[in-house]
Every structure is written in structure tokens, then in C-alpha cells.
């Protein structure tokens, strides 16, 4: 019994860079529906305010392009008639975090035109707008560039075709599940794929334009289709495709 108790206690902590962190929030997707106490659905195509979500994306987000299977949230990209559909959820206004380790375990979809992502936006986006609010792209994968993971930050100083990015090769990234994470402190942000640090962002001069990462951010999970980065072409024959998310965890 003592051994079991010890294991349970240890499971609530993680060690990264020699720092002991406690699990402060977890979404394990073991229910049969999205927990709307924690998550919001983002619906539609971004119009009229931001058609194509600012990237000429082709999907319409719905409440129905997902399911729960074997403890996973499964987001499905589909071609329905002449339209593409998918799902996007965020923790905006419900679960927001400043610093810590933020991670997700996920299995990627494949196919030209697909663009799964696990990312974060500043909680003050409605007041200061993008890119001043800041954006942390913990995972981006695009089907037209297989075996590559993109980790990126957008700031007022560098956004869109930002210089704050890293494209890292993983020959087996499409195989099975992988853990995508950041270690975020007041000094820097380290990006991880599984146990490997793939990119570190640590600007020498930190101002609100170069380092908007000293305030709470919320989490976004989505599977985009097409767009400036993901496409523009989409391989309809590859659809439907599924983005599996096993869990999201935050340690501080």
C-alpha cells in the first residue's frame, strides 16, 4: 500500500531542467463530451471579422467534427460536399496560465493540406489584438512538409513570417503518439518534442514588443485545412483524417 501511495504522489509532479513542478490542471478527455466548463468551441469560418482566420484557411469549424475514443479527443477533418469541416476548441476565459510546463500527448493526421496545432494566445487578445498579445505555437505540423515539426512564437516585433521559429526533423513523427511541450519561465521558453529540446526563445532585450510572455495565456487545439501555411492545395483523397489528443497537462 505504501508503494502505491508513493507512485500516486509522484505522478502529480514532473521534473524538467532540474525544477520540480506540480500538476495544476489536466484534461484527460475521458468523458463523452467536451467539458464546456473548461473549453469553448470556436465555430464558423472566421467571418465577418477574420475570414479564413487570417490565413486563408478553408475549413468551417463545427461542434460535430470530433468524438471521444479510448480516452482521446479525436478531431476529424472532413470534405462534405464542397466544404471542409473540422473542430477547434480553446480555454479562453476559463483556463489561463502564466509560466510552467504545458504539454499535450497527441497523434498527428497526415495528408497534404492538413494543419494540426496545439498553441496558446494571450488572454488579453480582445484588448490589444494580435500579434501584440503574443502567440506560442507549441506544435504545428503541415501535411505538405512531412516528418517536420514547427515550433514558433509571434510577437509585435516579429510575426507572420516570423524569425522566431524552428523547423525540426523527426522521421517518425507521424508514427504513434508524441509529447509536445513548452517549459516557460520569466526568462525564456524551451520547446520540447518528447524528451528533446528543439528550440529556445530568450531575447536579450525583453520589451512588450519582443516578450509579451509575462501574462496569462489560454490553450488552443485545432485541425485546420489549407491556408497560407497548411496549403493551399488539399488532398481530398486523404480525407477524412483524425487528430488524436490523449491529454493536456499544466505543471507549475
Foldseek 3Di string as FASTA:
>chain_A
DVVVVVVVVPVQWDADPNDIWGWDDKDQLPDWADDVLQKDWDFAQCPDVQGVVVFVFFETEDRPQWGGDPRKIKWKWACDPPGIYTTKMKRAPRDWDAFFKKKWKKADWAFQFKKWWKWKWANCCVPPNPPLRKIWTQWIDARVDPQWTKTAIGFLQADDPGPGMFIDGHPCRNPHIWMWMWGDDPAWIFTDIHNDGGHIDGDPDDDSRRPSRRHIIMIMTIMIGDGNPRHVDTDNVSPTIIMIIRMIITID
